[in-house]
Amino acid sequence: MEDRLYKFARLVDAGSFTRAAAHMHISQPALTTAIKKLERELHAELLVRDSHTFRLTAAGALAYDT
């Protein structure tokens, strides 16, 4: 889970899945999968996804602050 939390934090810092994936040298689908797995592990939705953007939920803000 620690790796997925790191990826989540990098995603929030980058502001987009595409930029975060590029910075981490992984594919965007791999990052999306990691975030979805993290949400399942934490039993909480971390992001509200729109067509091209996302915003943190309350749980997402807490996870990021941690």
N, C-alpha and C. Protein backbone atom coordinates (compact mmCIF):
# COMPACT_ATOMS: atom_id res chain seq x y z
N MET A 1 0.83 -1.19 0.00
CA MET A 1 0.00 0.00 0.00
C MET A 1 0.87 1.26 0.00
N GLU A 2 2.03 1.18 0.59
CA GLU A 2 2.91 2.34 0.68
C GLU A 2 3.26 2.89 -0.70
N ASP A 3 3.52 2.00 -1.66
CA ASP A 3 3.83 2.42 -3.02
C ASP A 3 2.63 3.14 -3.64
N ARG A 4 1.44 2.63 -3.41
CA ARG A 4 0.25 3.27 -3.97
C ARG A 4 -0.02 4.62 -3.31
N LEU A 5 0.26 4.75 -2.02
CA LEU A 5 0.13 6.05 -1.37
C LEU A 5 1.10 7.06 -1.96
N TYR A 6 2.32 6.61 -2.26
CA TYR A 6 3.31 7.47 -2.90
C TYR A 6 2.79 7.92 -4.26
N LYS A 7 2.26 6.99 -5.04
CA LYS A 7 1.73 7.33 -6.37
C LYS A 7 0.56 8.30 -6.24
N PHE A 8 -0.28 8.10 -5.25
CA PHE A 8 -1.41 9.00 -5.02
C PHE A 8 -0.90 10.41 -4.71
N ALA A 9 0.09 10.52 -3.85
CA ALA A 9 0.64 11.84 -3.49
C ALA A 9 1.26 12.51 -4.72
N ARG A 10 1.97 11.76 -5.54
CA ARG A 10 2.57 12.32 -6.76
C ARG A 10 1.48 12.77 -7.74
N LEU A 11 0.38 12.03 -7.78
CA LEU A 11 -0.74 12.40 -8.64
C LEU A 11 -1.31 13.74 -8.20
N VAL A 12 -1.55 13.89 -6.93
CA VAL A 12 -2.11 15.14 -6.40
C VAL A 12 -1.15 16.29 -6.67
N ASP A 13 0.15 16.07 -6.44
CA ASP A 13 1.15 17.11 -6.69
C ASP A 13 1.17 17.52 -8.16
N ALA A 14 1.07 16.55 -9.06
CA ALA A 14 1.15 16.83 -10.50
C ALA A 14 -0.13 17.46 -11.04
N GLY A 15 -1.26 17.14 -10.45
CA GLY A 15 -2.51 17.71 -10.88
C GLY A 15 -3.19 17.00 -12.03
N SER A 16 -2.54 15.97 -12.58
CA SER A 16 -3.18 15.20 -13.65
C SER A 16 -2.55 13.80 -13.70
N PHE A 17 -3.37 12.86 -14.14
CA PHE A 17 -2.88 11.49 -14.27
C PHE A 17 -1.76 11.40 -15.30
N THR A 18 -1.91 12.10 -16.40
CA THR A 18 -0.92 12.05 -17.48
C THR A 18 0.43 12.58 -17.01
N ARG A 19 0.43 13.76 -16.38
CA ARG A 19 1.70 14.33 -15.90
C ARG A 19 2.33 13.47 -14.82
N ALA A 20 1.51 12.99 -13.87
CA ALA A 20 2.06 12.17 -12.79
C ALA A 20 2.67 10.89 -13.33
N ALA A 21 1.98 10.23 -14.25
CA ALA A 21 2.50 9.00 -14.84
C ALA A 21 3.81 9.27 -15.56
N ALA A 22 3.88 10.35 -16.30
CA ALA A 22 5.11 10.69 -17.03
C ALA A 22 6.26 10.93 -16.05
N HIS A 23 6.01 11.65 -14.97
CA HIS A 23 7.05 11.93 -13.97
C HIS A 23 7.55 10.64 -13.31
N MET A 24 6.65 9.68 -13.13
CA MET A 24 7.03 8.42 -12.47
C MET A 24 7.48 7.35 -13.46
N HIS A 25 7.45 7.68 -14.75
CA HIS A 25 7.86 6.75 -15.80
C HIS A 25 7.04 5.46 -15.80
N ILE A 26 5.73 5.65 -15.62
CA ILE A 26 4.80 4.53 -15.71
C ILE A 26 3.67 4.94 -16.67
N SER A 27 2.87 4.00 -17.09
CA SER A 27 1.77 4.34 -17.99
C SER A 27 0.62 4.94 -17.19
N GLN A 28 -0.19 5.73 -17.87
CA GLN A 28 -1.36 6.32 -17.23
C GLN A 28 -2.34 5.24 -16.76
N PRO A 29 -2.58 4.18 -17.57
CA PRO A 29 -3.47 3.12 -17.07
C PRO A 29 -2.92 2.42 -15.82
N ALA A 30 -1.61 2.27 -15.73
CA ALA A 30 -1.02 1.65 -14.54
C ALA A 30 -1.25 2.52 -13.31
N LEU A 31 -1.14 3.83 -13.48
CA LEU A 31 -1.40 4.75 -12.37
C LEU A 31 -2.86 4.71 -11.96
N THR A 32 -3.74 4.71 -12.94
CA THR A 32 -5.17 4.63 -12.65
C THR A 32 -5.50 3.36 -11.87
N THR A 33 -4.92 2.25 -12.28
CA THR A 33 -5.14 0.98 -11.59
C THR A 33 -4.64 1.04 -10.16
N ALA A 34 -3.47 1.63 -9.95
CA ALA A 34 -2.90 1.75 -8.60
C ALA A 34 -3.81 2.58 -7.70
N ILE A 35 -4.36 3.67 -8.24
CA ILE A 35 -5.23 4.53 -7.44
C ILE A 35 -6.53 3.80 -7.11
N LYS A 36 -7.08 3.08 -8.06
CA LYS A 36 -8.30 2.31 -7.80
C LYS A 36 -8.06 1.24 -6.74
N LYS A 37 -6.90 0.57 -6.80
CA LYS A 37 -6.57 -0.43 -5.78
C LYS A 37 -6.44 0.22 -4.41
N LEU A 38 -5.82 1.39 -4.36
CA LEU A 38 -5.68 2.10 -3.10
C LEU A 38 -7.05 2.46 -2.53
N GLU A 39 -7.95 2.92 -3.38
CA GLU A 39 -9.30 3.24 -2.93
C GLU A 39 -10.00 2.00 -2.37
N ARG A 40 -9.81 0.86 -3.01
CA ARG A 40 -10.41 -0.38 -2.49
C ARG A 40 -9.80 -0.77 -1.15
N GLU A 41 -8.48 -0.63 -1.02
CA GLU A 41 -7.81 -0.99 0.23
C GLU A 41 -8.27 -0.09 1.38
N LEU A 42 -8.47 1.17 1.09
CA LEU A 42 -8.86 2.12 2.13
C LEU A 42 -10.38 2.18 2.32
N HIS A 43 -11.11 1.49 1.46
CA HIS A 43 -12.58 1.50 1.50
C HIS A 43 -13.13 2.92 1.45
N ALA A 44 -12.51 3.73 0.57
CA ALA A 44 -12.94 5.12 0.45
C ALA A 44 -12.60 5.65 -0.94
N GLU A 45 -13.49 6.48 -1.46
CA GLU A 45 -13.22 7.17 -2.72
C GLU A 45 -12.30 8.34 -2.41
N LEU A 46 -11.18 8.43 -3.09
CA LEU A 46 -10.19 9.47 -2.82
C LEU A 46 -10.32 10.65 -3.77
N LEU A 47 -10.83 10.37 -4.97
CA LEU A 47 -10.91 11.39 -6.01
C LEU A 47 -12.30 11.42 -6.62
N VAL A 48 -12.73 12.60 -7.00
CA VAL A 48 -13.91 12.75 -7.84
C VAL A 48 -13.35 13.08 -9.21
N ARG A 49 -13.58 12.19 -10.16
CA ARG A 49 -13.01 12.35 -11.49
C ARG A 49 -14.02 13.00 -12.42
N ASP A 50 -13.57 13.99 -13.16
CA ASP A 50 -14.34 14.57 -14.24
C ASP A 50 -13.71 14.11 -15.54
N SER A 51 -14.14 14.64 -16.66
CA SER A 51 -13.62 14.16 -17.94
C SER A 51 -12.11 14.41 -18.08
N HIS A 52 -11.62 15.55 -17.60
CA HIS A 52 -10.19 15.85 -17.75
C HIS A 52 -9.52 16.28 -16.46
N THR A 53 -10.25 16.33 -15.38
CA THR A 53 -9.69 16.79 -14.11
C THR A 53 -10.14 15.88 -12.97
N PHE A 54 -9.63 16.15 -11.81
CA PHE A 54 -10.09 15.46 -10.60
C PHE A 54 -10.00 16.43 -9.45
N ARG A 55 -10.73 16.11 -8.39
CA ARG A 55 -10.61 16.85 -7.14
C ARG A 55 -10.63 15.84 -6.01
N LEU A 56 -10.03 16.22 -4.91
CA LEU A 56 -9.96 15.33 -3.75
C LEU A 56 -11.28 15.30 -3.01
N THR A 57 -11.63 14.12 -2.53
CA THR A 57 -12.72 14.00 -1.58
C THR A 57 -12.15 14.31 -0.20
N ALA A 58 -13.00 14.32 0.81
CA ALA A 58 -12.50 14.54 2.18
C ALA A 58 -11.53 13.42 2.56
N ALA A 59 -11.85 12.19 2.17
CA ALA A 59 -10.95 11.06 2.45
C ALA A 59 -9.64 11.22 1.68
N GLY A 60 -9.72 11.71 0.46
CA GLY A 60 -8.53 11.94 -0.35
C GLY A 60 -7.62 12.99 0.26
N ALA A 61 -8.22 14.06 0.77
CA ALA A 61 -7.43 15.11 1.43
C ALA A 61 -6.74 14.55 2.67
N LEU A 62 -7.45 13.73 3.42
CA LEU A 62 -6.86 13.12 4.61
C LEU A 62 -5.71 12.18 4.23
N ALA A 63 -5.91 11.36 3.21
CA ALA A 63 -4.86 10.45 2.76
C ALA A 63 -3.65 11.22 2.27
N TYR A 64 -3.87 12.32 1.56
CA TYR A 64 -2.76 13.12 1.05
C TYR A 64 -2.00 13.77 2.20
N ASP A 65 -2.70 14.30 3.17
CA ASP A 65 -2.05 14.93 4.31
C ASP A 65 -1.23 13.93 5.13
N THR A 66 -1.66 12.68 5.11
CA THR A 66 -0.95 11.64 5.86
C THR A 66 0.33 11.31 5.16
